[in-house]
mmCIF file of all heavy atoms, coordinates in Angstrom:
data_MODEL
# 
_entry.id   MODEL 
# 
loop_
_atom_site.group_PDB 
_atom_site.id 
_atom_site.type_symbol 
_atom_site.label_atom_id 
_atom_site.label_alt_id 
_atom_site.label_comp_id 
_atom_site.label_asym_id 
_atom_site.label_entity_id 
_atom_site.label_seq_id 
_atom_site.pdbx_PDB_ins_code 
_atom_site.Cartn_x 
_atom_site.Cartn_y 
_atom_site.Cartn_z 
_atom_site.occupancy 
_atom_site.B_iso_or_equiv 
_atom_site.pdbx_formal_charge 
_atom_site.auth_seq_id 
_atom_site.auth_comp_id 
_atom_site.auth_asym_id 
_atom_site.auth_atom_id 
_atom_site.pdbx_PDB_model_num 
ATOM 1   N N   . LEU A 1 1  ? 0.826  -1.168  -0.011  1.00 0.00 ? 1  LEU A N   1 
ATOM 2   C CA  . LEU A 1 1  ? 0.014  0.001   -0.010  1.00 0.00 ? 1  LEU A CA  1 
ATOM 3   C C   . LEU A 1 1  ? 0.882  1.257   0.002   1.00 0.00 ? 1  LEU A C   1 
ATOM 4   O O   . LEU A 1 1  ? 0.516  2.303   -0.576  1.00 0.00 ? 1  LEU A O   1 
ATOM 5   C CB  . LEU A 1 1  ? -0.909 0.017   1.217   1.00 0.00 ? 1  LEU A CB  1 
ATOM 6   C CG  . LEU A 1 1  ? -1.802 -1.166  1.541   1.00 0.00 ? 1  LEU A CG  1 
ATOM 7   C CD1 . LEU A 1 1  ? -2.715 -0.904  2.743   1.00 0.00 ? 1  LEU A CD1 1 
ATOM 8   C CD2 . LEU A 1 1  ? -2.674 -1.550  0.295   1.00 0.00 ? 1  LEU A CD2 1 
ATOM 9   N N   . HIS A 1 2  ? 2.016  1.181   0.677   1.00 0.00 ? 2  HIS A N   1 
ATOM 10  C CA  . HIS A 1 2  ? 2.908  2.318   0.757   1.00 0.00 ? 2  HIS A CA  1 
ATOM 11  C C   . HIS A 1 2  ? 3.390  2.687   -0.621  1.00 0.00 ? 2  HIS A C   1 
ATOM 12  O O   . HIS A 1 2  ? 3.545  3.875   -0.916  1.00 0.00 ? 2  HIS A O   1 
ATOM 13  C CB  . HIS A 1 2  ? 4.064  2.009   1.660   1.00 0.00 ? 2  HIS A CB  1 
ATOM 14  C CG  . HIS A 1 2  ? 4.928  3.184   1.966   1.00 0.00 ? 2  HIS A CG  1 
ATOM 15  N ND1 . HIS A 1 2  ? 4.473  4.350   2.500   1.00 0.00 ? 2  HIS A ND1 1 
ATOM 16  C CD2 . HIS A 1 2  ? 6.273  3.377   1.759   1.00 0.00 ? 2  HIS A CD2 1 
ATOM 17  C CE1 . HIS A 1 2  ? 5.460  5.235   2.695   1.00 0.00 ? 2  HIS A CE1 1 
ATOM 18  N NE2 . HIS A 1 2  ? 6.565  4.647   2.208   1.00 0.00 ? 2  HIS A NE2 1 
ATOM 19  N N   . ASP A 1 3  ? 3.665  1.719   -1.463  1.00 0.00 ? 3  ASP A N   1 
ATOM 20  C CA  . ASP A 1 3  ? 4.102  2.029   -2.807  1.00 0.00 ? 3  ASP A CA  1 
ATOM 21  C C   . ASP A 1 3  ? 3.055  2.796   -3.583  1.00 0.00 ? 3  ASP A C   1 
ATOM 22  O O   . ASP A 1 3  ? 3.372  3.706   -4.374  1.00 0.00 ? 3  ASP A O   1 
ATOM 23  C CB  . ASP A 1 3  ? 4.430  0.745   -3.593  1.00 0.00 ? 3  ASP A CB  1 
ATOM 24  C CG  . ASP A 1 3  ? 5.756  0.063   -3.057  1.00 0.00 ? 3  ASP A CG  1 
ATOM 25  O OD1 . ASP A 1 3  ? 6.720  0.805   -2.841  1.00 0.00 ? 3  ASP A OD1 1 
ATOM 26  O OD2 . ASP A 1 3  ? 5.763  -1.145  -2.863  1.00 0.00 ? 3  ASP A OD2 1 
ATOM 27  N N   . CYS A 1 4  ? 1.826  2.464   -3.343  1.00 0.00 ? 4  CYS A N   1 
ATOM 28  C CA  . CYS A 1 4  ? 0.689  3.243   -4.031  1.00 0.00 ? 4  CYS A CA  1 
ATOM 29  C C   . CYS A 1 4  ? 0.690  4.652   -3.524  1.00 0.00 ? 4  CYS A C   1 
ATOM 30  O O   . CYS A 1 4  ? 0.552  5.580   -4.290  1.00 0.00 ? 4  CYS A O   1 
ATOM 31  C CB  . CYS A 1 4  ? -0.617 2.551   -3.669  1.00 0.00 ? 4  CYS A CB  1 
ATOM 32  S SG  . CYS A 1 4  ? -2.118 3.436   -4.362  1.00 0.00 ? 4  CYS A SG  1 
ATOM 33  N N   . LYS A 1 5  ? 0.861  4.875   -2.202  1.00 0.00 ? 5  LYS A N   1 
ATOM 34  C CA  . LYS A 1 5  ? 0.885  6.224   -1.623  1.00 0.00 ? 5  LYS A CA  1 
ATOM 35  C C   . LYS A 1 5  ? 2.062  7.030   -2.172  1.00 0.00 ? 5  LYS A C   1 
ATOM 36  O O   . LYS A 1 5  ? 1.957  8.215   -2.438  1.00 0.00 ? 5  LYS A O   1 
ATOM 37  C CB  . LYS A 1 5  ? 0.948  6.132   -0.117  1.00 0.00 ? 5  LYS A CB  1 
ATOM 38  C CG  . LYS A 1 5  ? -0.318 5.555   0.528   1.00 0.00 ? 5  LYS A CG  1 
ATOM 39  C CD  . LYS A 1 5  ? -0.149 5.418   2.021   1.00 0.00 ? 5  LYS A CD  1 
ATOM 40  C CE  . LYS A 1 5  ? -1.408 4.826   2.647   1.00 0.00 ? 5  LYS A CE  1 
ATOM 41  N NZ  . LYS A 1 5  ? -1.206 4.633   4.145   1.00 0.00 ? 5  LYS A NZ  1 
ATOM 42  N N   . VAL A 1 6  ? 3.199  6.349   -2.281  1.00 0.00 ? 6  VAL A N   1 
ATOM 43  C CA  . VAL A 1 6  ? 4.412  7.043   -2.814  1.00 0.00 ? 6  VAL A CA  1 
ATOM 44  C C   . VAL A 1 6  ? 4.131  7.455   -4.240  1.00 0.00 ? 6  VAL A C   1 
ATOM 45  O O   . VAL A 1 6  ? 4.492  8.615   -4.647  1.00 0.00 ? 6  VAL A O   1 
ATOM 46  C CB  . VAL A 1 6  ? 5.609  6.088   -2.688  1.00 0.00 ? 6  VAL A CB  1 
ATOM 47  C CG1 . VAL A 1 6  ? 6.806  6.679   -3.471  1.00 0.00 ? 6  VAL A CG1 1 
ATOM 48  C CG2 . VAL A 1 6  ? 5.996  5.876   -1.209  1.00 0.00 ? 6  VAL A CG2 1 
ATOM 49  N N   . ALA A 1 7  ? 3.583  6.554   -5.022  1.00 0.00 ? 7  ALA A N   1 
ATOM 50  C CA  . ALA A 1 7  ? 3.290  6.915   -6.427  1.00 0.00 ? 7  ALA A CA  1 
ATOM 51  C C   . ALA A 1 7  ? 2.348  8.094   -6.544  1.00 0.00 ? 7  ALA A C   1 
ATOM 52  O O   . ALA A 1 7  ? 2.562  8.981   -7.341  1.00 0.00 ? 7  ALA A O   1 
ATOM 53  C CB  . ALA A 1 7  ? 2.685  5.702   -7.138  1.00 0.00 ? 7  ALA A CB  1 
ATOM 54  N N   . GLN A 1 8  ? 1.285  8.108   -5.676  1.00 0.00 ? 8  GLN A N   1 
ATOM 55  C CA  . GLN A 1 8  ? 0.391  9.213   -5.705  1.00 0.00 ? 8  GLN A CA  1 
ATOM 56  C C   . GLN A 1 8  ? 1.097  10.539  -5.346  1.00 0.00 ? 8  GLN A C   1 
ATOM 57  O O   . GLN A 1 8  ? 0.849  11.594  -6.041  1.00 0.00 ? 8  GLN A O   1 
ATOM 58  C CB  . GLN A 1 8  ? -0.743 8.947   -4.698  1.00 0.00 ? 8  GLN A CB  1 
ATOM 59  C CG  . GLN A 1 8  ? -1.692 7.848   -5.122  1.00 0.00 ? 8  GLN A CG  1 
ATOM 60  C CD  . GLN A 1 8  ? -2.685 7.446   -4.069  1.00 0.00 ? 8  GLN A CD  1 
ATOM 61  O OE1 . GLN A 1 8  ? -2.491 7.782   -2.898  1.00 0.00 ? 8  GLN A OE1 1 
ATOM 62  N NE2 . GLN A 1 8  ? -3.696 6.725   -4.443  1.00 0.00 ? 8  GLN A NE2 1 
ATOM 63  N N   . ALA A 1 9  ? 1.996  10.511  -4.343  1.00 0.00 ? 9  ALA A N   1 
ATOM 64  C CA  . ALA A 1 9  ? 2.733  11.691  -3.981  1.00 0.00 ? 9  ALA A CA  1 
ATOM 65  C C   . ALA A 1 9  ? 3.644  12.195  -5.096  1.00 0.00 ? 9  ALA A C   1 
ATOM 66  O O   . ALA A 1 9  ? 3.851  13.403  -5.248  1.00 0.00 ? 9  ALA A O   1 
ATOM 67  C CB  . ALA A 1 9  ? 3.508  11.460  -2.683  1.00 0.00 ? 9  ALA A CB  1 
ATOM 68  N N   . MET A 1 10 ? 4.161  11.261  -5.825  1.00 0.00 ? 10 MET A N   1 
ATOM 69  C CA  . MET A 1 10 ? 5.060  11.576  -6.951  1.00 0.00 ? 10 MET A CA  1 
ATOM 70  C C   . MET A 1 10 ? 4.351  12.016  -8.189  1.00 0.00 ? 10 MET A C   1 
ATOM 71  O O   . MET A 1 10 ? 4.929  12.593  -9.093  1.00 0.00 ? 10 MET A O   1 
ATOM 72  C CB  . MET A 1 10 ? 5.954  10.375  -7.264  1.00 0.00 ? 10 MET A CB  1 
ATOM 73  C CG  . MET A 1 10 ? 6.930  9.979   -6.197  1.00 0.00 ? 10 MET A CG  1 
ATOM 74  S SD  . MET A 1 10 ? 7.812  8.416   -6.586  1.00 0.00 ? 10 MET A SD  1 
ATOM 75  C CE  . MET A 1 10 ? 8.719  8.928   -8.034  1.00 0.00 ? 10 MET A CE  1 
ATOM 76  N N   . GLY A 1 11 ? 3.054  11.674  -8.304  1.00 0.00 ? 11 GLY A N   1 
ATOM 77  C CA  . GLY A 1 11 ? 2.297  11.995  -9.465  1.00 0.00 ? 11 GLY A CA  1 
ATOM 78  C C   . GLY A 1 11 ? 2.514  11.008  -10.599 1.00 0.00 ? 11 GLY A C   1 
ATOM 79  O O   . GLY A 1 11 ? 2.220  11.304  -11.766 1.00 0.00 ? 11 GLY A O   1 
ATOM 80  N N   . VAL A 1 12 ? 3.041  9.784   -10.285 1.00 0.00 ? 12 VAL A N   1 
ATOM 81  C CA  . VAL A 1 12 ? 3.322  8.753   -11.269 1.00 0.00 ? 12 VAL A CA  1 
ATOM 82  C C   . VAL A 1 12 ? 2.268  7.674   -11.228 1.00 0.00 ? 12 VAL A C   1 
ATOM 83  O O   . VAL A 1 12 ? 1.474  7.608   -10.303 1.00 0.00 ? 12 VAL A O   1 
ATOM 84  C CB  . VAL A 1 12 ? 4.714  8.181   -11.095 1.00 0.00 ? 12 VAL A CB  1 
ATOM 85  C CG1 . VAL A 1 12 ? 5.781  9.268   -11.096 1.00 0.00 ? 12 VAL A CG1 1 
ATOM 86  C CG2 . VAL A 1 12 ? 4.810  7.349   -9.843  1.00 0.00 ? 12 VAL A CG2 1 
ATOM 87  N N   . GLN A 1 13 ? 2.263  6.839   -12.239 1.00 0.00 ? 13 GLN A N   1 
ATOM 88  C CA  . GLN A 1 13 ? 1.353  5.720   -12.308 1.00 0.00 ? 13 GLN A CA  1 
ATOM 89  C C   . GLN A 1 13 ? 1.917  4.583   -11.407 1.00 0.00 ? 13 GLN A C   1 
ATOM 90  O O   . GLN A 1 13 ? 3.104  4.551   -11.148 1.00 0.00 ? 13 GLN A O   1 
ATOM 91  C CB  . GLN A 1 13 ? 1.116  5.265   -13.702 1.00 0.00 ? 13 GLN A CB  1 
ATOM 92  C CG  . GLN A 1 13 ? 0.432  6.396   -14.568 1.00 0.00 ? 13 GLN A CG  1 
ATOM 93  C CD  . GLN A 1 13 ? 0.167  5.863   -15.951 1.00 0.00 ? 13 GLN A CD  1 
ATOM 94  O OE1 . GLN A 1 13 ? -0.668 5.017   -16.162 1.00 0.00 ? 13 GLN A OE1 1 
ATOM 95  N NE2 . GLN A 1 13 ? 0.803  6.466   -16.926 1.00 0.00 ? 13 GLN A NE2 1 
ATOM 96  N N   . CYS A 1 14 ? 1.008  3.641   -11.049 1.00 0.00 ? 14 CYS A N   1 
ATOM 97  C CA  . CYS A 1 14 ? 1.403  2.567   -10.124 1.00 0.00 ? 14 CYS A CA  1 
ATOM 98  C C   . CYS A 1 14 ? 0.827  1.257   -10.556 1.00 0.00 ? 14 CYS A C   1 
ATOM 99  O O   . CYS A 1 14 ? -0.339 1.165   -10.901 1.00 0.00 ? 14 CYS A O   1 
ATOM 100 C CB  . CYS A 1 14 ? 1.009  2.907   -8.728  1.00 0.00 ? 14 CYS A CB  1 
ATOM 101 S SG  . CYS A 1 14 ? 1.579  1.750   -7.444  1.00 0.00 ? 14 CYS A SG  1 
ATOM 102 N N   . LEU A 1 15 ? 1.628  0.206   -10.508 1.00 0.00 ? 15 LEU A N   1 
ATOM 103 C CA  . LEU A 1 15 ? 1.243  -1.150  -10.726 1.00 0.00 ? 15 LEU A CA  1 
ATOM 104 C C   . LEU A 1 15 ? 1.701  -1.921  -9.506  1.00 0.00 ? 15 LEU A C   1 
ATOM 105 O O   . LEU A 1 15 ? 2.834  -1.799  -9.091  1.00 0.00 ? 15 LEU A O   1 
ATOM 106 C CB  . LEU A 1 15 ? 1.855  -1.738  -11.971 1.00 0.00 ? 15 LEU A CB  1 
ATOM 107 C CG  . LEU A 1 15 ? 1.642  -3.240  -12.224 1.00 0.00 ? 15 LEU A CG  1 
ATOM 108 C CD1 . LEU A 1 15 ? 0.151  -3.516  -12.491 1.00 0.00 ? 15 LEU A CD1 1 
ATOM 109 C CD2 . LEU A 1 15 ? 2.475  -3.699  -13.424 1.00 0.00 ? 15 LEU A CD2 1 
ATOM 110 N N   . LEU A 1 16 ? 0.832  -2.749  -8.897  1.00 0.00 ? 16 LEU A N   1 
ATOM 111 C CA  . LEU A 1 16 ? 1.188  -3.514  -7.707  1.00 0.00 ? 16 LEU A CA  1 
ATOM 112 C C   . LEU A 1 16 ? 1.213  -5.004  -8.021  1.00 0.00 ? 16 LEU A C   1 
ATOM 113 O O   . LEU A 1 16 ? 0.379  -5.526  -8.770  1.00 0.00 ? 16 LEU A O   1 
ATOM 114 C CB  . LEU A 1 16 ? 0.147  -3.249  -6.603  1.00 0.00 ? 16 LEU A CB  1 
ATOM 115 C CG  . LEU A 1 16 ? 0.091  -1.796  -6.130  1.00 0.00 ? 16 LEU A CG  1 
ATOM 116 C CD1 . LEU A 1 16 ? -1.095 -1.588  -5.141  1.00 0.00 ? 16 LEU A CD1 1 
ATOM 117 C CD2 . LEU A 1 16 ? 1.387  -1.430  -5.513  1.00 0.00 ? 16 LEU A CD2 1 
ATOM 118 N N   . VAL A 1 17 ? 2.170  -5.692  -7.422  1.00 0.00 ? 17 VAL A N   1 
ATOM 119 C CA  . VAL A 1 17 ? 2.377  -7.111  -7.655  1.00 0.00 ? 17 VAL A CA  1 
ATOM 120 C C   . VAL A 1 17 ? 2.086  -7.816  -6.350  1.00 0.00 ? 17 VAL A C   1 
ATOM 121 O O   . VAL A 1 17 ? 2.615  -7.497  -5.282  1.00 0.00 ? 17 VAL A O   1 
ATOM 122 C CB  . VAL A 1 17 ? 3.860  -7.426  -8.051  1.00 0.00 ? 17 VAL A CB  1 
ATOM 123 C CG1 . VAL A 1 17 ? 3.970  -8.892  -8.516  1.00 0.00 ? 17 VAL A CG1 1 
ATOM 124 C CG2 . VAL A 1 17 ? 4.342  -6.468  -9.158  1.00 0.00 ? 17 VAL A CG2 1 
ATOM 125 N N   . ALA A 1 18 ? 1.186  -8.846  -6.435  1.00 0.00 ? 18 ALA A N   1 
ATOM 126 C CA  . ALA A 1 18 ? 0.602  -9.481  -5.246  1.00 0.00 ? 18 ALA A CA  1 
ATOM 127 C C   . ALA A 1 18 ? 1.422  -10.641 -4.733  1.00 0.00 ? 18 ALA A C   1 
ATOM 128 O O   . ALA A 1 18 ? 0.827  -11.588 -4.117  1.00 0.00 ? 18 ALA A O   1 
ATOM 129 C CB  . ALA A 1 18 ? -0.862 -9.838  -5.500  1.00 0.00 ? 18 ALA A CB  1 
ATOM 130 N N   . HIS A 1 19 ? 2.718  -10.700 -4.968  1.00 0.00 ? 19 HIS A N   1 
ATOM 131 C CA  . HIS A 1 19 ? 3.511  -11.826 -4.474  1.00 0.00 ? 19 HIS A CA  1 
ATOM 132 C C   . HIS A 1 19 ? 4.472  -11.409 -3.389  1.00 0.00 ? 19 HIS A C   1 
ATOM 133 O O   . HIS A 1 19 ? 5.384  -12.175 -3.064  1.00 0.00 ? 19 HIS A O   1 
ATOM 134 C CB  . HIS A 1 19 ? 4.257  -12.494 -5.614  1.00 0.00 ? 19 HIS A CB  1 
ATOM 135 C CG  . HIS A 1 19 ? 5.248  -11.622 -6.324  1.00 0.00 ? 19 HIS A CG  1 
ATOM 136 N ND1 . HIS A 1 19 ? 5.729  -11.867 -7.597  1.00 0.00 ? 19 HIS A ND1 1 
ATOM 137 C CD2 . HIS A 1 19 ? 5.807  -10.385 -5.954  1.00 0.00 ? 19 HIS A CD2 1 
ATOM 138 C CE1 . HIS A 1 19 ? 6.628  -10.909 -7.908  1.00 0.00 ? 19 HIS A CE1 1 
ATOM 139 N NE2 . HIS A 1 19 ? 6.645  -10.015 -6.964  1.00 0.00 ? 19 HIS A NE2 1 
ATOM 140 N N   . GLY A 1 20 ? 4.256  -10.203 -2.792  1.00 0.00 ? 20 GLY A N   1 
ATOM 141 C CA  . GLY A 1 20 ? 5.224  -9.699  -1.857  1.00 0.00 ? 20 GLY A CA  1 
ATOM 142 C C   . GLY A 1 20 ? 4.698  -9.541  -0.459  1.00 0.00 ? 20 GLY A C   1 
ATOM 143 O O   . GLY A 1 20 ? 4.036  -10.452 0.096   1.00 0.00 ? 20 GLY A O   1 
ATOM 144 N N   . HIS A 1 21 ? 4.903  -8.342  0.161   1.00 0.00 ? 21 HIS A N   1 
ATOM 145 C CA  . HIS A 1 21 ? 4.680  -8.113  1.536   1.00 0.00 ? 21 HIS A CA  1 
ATOM 146 C C   . HIS A 1 21 ? 3.263  -7.797  1.941   1.00 0.00 ? 21 HIS A C   1 
ATOM 147 O O   . HIS A 1 21 ? 2.894  -7.788  3.122   1.00 0.00 ? 21 HIS A O   1 
ATOM 148 C CB  . HIS A 1 21 ? 5.612  -7.025  2.065   1.00 0.00 ? 21 HIS A CB  1 
ATOM 149 C CG  . HIS A 1 21 ? 7.046  -7.457  2.109   1.00 0.00 ? 21 HIS A CG  1 
ATOM 150 N ND1 . HIS A 1 21 ? 7.623  -8.042  3.167   1.00 0.00 ? 21 HIS A ND1 1 
ATOM 151 C CD2 . HIS A 1 21 ? 8.013  -7.410  1.122   1.00 0.00 ? 21 HIS A CD2 1 
ATOM 152 C CE1 . HIS A 1 21 ? 8.927  -8.344  2.887   1.00 0.00 ? 21 HIS A CE1 1 
ATOM 153 N NE2 . HIS A 1 21 ? 9.129  -7.961  1.685   1.00 0.00 ? 21 HIS A NE2 1 
ATOM 154 N N   . HIS A 1 22 ? 2.389  -7.540  0.927   1.00 0.00 ? 22 HIS A N   1 
ATOM 155 C CA  . HIS A 1 22 ? 0.952  -7.279  1.242   1.00 0.00 ? 22 HIS A CA  1 
ATOM 156 C C   . HIS A 1 22 ? 0.108  -8.257  0.407   1.00 0.00 ? 22 HIS A C   1 
ATOM 157 O O   . HIS A 1 22 ? 0.459  -8.647  -0.692  1.00 0.00 ? 22 HIS A O   1 
ATOM 158 C CB  . HIS A 1 22 ? 0.579  -5.844  0.896   1.00 0.00 ? 22 HIS A CB  1 
ATOM 159 C CG  . HIS A 1 22 ? 0.966  -4.889  1.921   1.00 0.00 ? 22 HIS A CG  1 
ATOM 160 N ND1 . HIS A 1 22 ? 0.776  -3.525  1.826   1.00 0.00 ? 22 HIS A ND1 1 
ATOM 161 C CD2 . HIS A 1 22 ? 1.508  -5.031  3.166   1.00 0.00 ? 22 HIS A CD2 1 
ATOM 162 C CE1 . HIS A 1 22 ? 1.236  -2.905  2.890   1.00 0.00 ? 22 HIS A CE1 1 
ATOM 163 N NE2 . HIS A 1 22 ? 1.687  -3.789  3.737   1.00 0.00 ? 22 HIS A NE2 1 
ATOM 164 N N   . SER A 1 23 ? -1.028 -8.633  0.991   1.00 0.00 ? 23 SER A N   1 
ATOM 165 C CA  . SER A 1 23 ? -1.862 -9.610  0.342   1.00 0.00 ? 23 SER A CA  1 
ATOM 166 C C   . SER A 1 23 ? -2.625 -9.027  -0.886  1.00 0.00 ? 23 SER A C   1 
ATOM 167 O O   . SER A 1 23 ? -2.771 -7.778  -0.988  1.00 0.00 ? 23 SER A O   1 
ATOM 168 C CB  . SER A 1 23 ? -2.975 -10.056 1.330   1.00 0.00 ? 23 SER A CB  1 
ATOM 169 O OG  . SER A 1 23 ? -3.863 -8.936  1.633   1.00 0.00 ? 23 SER A OG  1 
ATOM 170 N N   . PRO A 1 24 ? -3.047 -9.847  -1.789  1.00 0.00 ? 24 PRO A N   1 
ATOM 171 C CA  . PRO A 1 24 ? -3.779 -9.304  -2.980  1.00 0.00 ? 24 PRO A CA  1 
ATOM 172 C C   . PRO A 1 24 ? -5.025 -8.532  -2.554  1.00 0.00 ? 24 PRO A C   1 
ATOM 173 O O   . PRO A 1 24 ? -5.311 -7.527  -3.227  1.00 0.00 ? 24 PRO A O   1 
ATOM 174 C CB  . PRO A 1 24 ? -4.194 -10.642 -3.718  1.00 0.00 ? 24 PRO A CB  1 
ATOM 175 C CG  . PRO A 1 24 ? -3.157 -11.627 -3.317  1.00 0.00 ? 24 PRO A CG  1 
ATOM 176 C CD  . PRO A 1 24 ? -2.845 -11.326 -1.860  1.00 0.00 ? 24 PRO A CD  1 
ATOM 177 N N   . GLU A 1 25 ? -5.684 -8.958  -1.552  1.00 0.00 ? 25 GLU A N   1 
ATOM 178 C CA  . GLU A 1 25 ? -6.950 -8.242  -1.120  1.00 0.00 ? 25 GLU A CA  1 
ATOM 179 C C   . GLU A 1 25 ? -6.621 -6.818  -0.711  1.00 0.00 ? 25 GLU A C   1 
ATOM 180 O O   . GLU A 1 25 ? -7.384 -5.907  -1.087  1.00 0.00 ? 25 GLU A O   1 
ATOM 181 C CB  . GLU A 1 25 ? -7.613 -9.024  0.009   1.00 0.00 ? 25 GLU A CB  1 
ATOM 182 C CG  . GLU A 1 25 ? -8.132 -10.414 -0.364  1.00 0.00 ? 25 GLU A CG  1 
ATOM 183 C CD  . GLU A 1 25 ? -7.081 -11.476 -0.554  1.00 0.00 ? 25 GLU A CD  1 
ATOM 184 O OE1 . GLU A 1 25 ? -5.994 -11.307 -0.004  1.00 0.00 ? 25 GLU A OE1 1 
ATOM 185 O OE2 . GLU A 1 25 ? -7.349 -12.469 -1.231  1.00 0.00 ? 25 GLU A OE2 1 
# 
């Protein structure tokens, strides 16, 4: 989720991969 927040602050687009530290849900 933090990567999403960082992307928003930067004004860039974001793609999240569900094999890491946060669940897909």
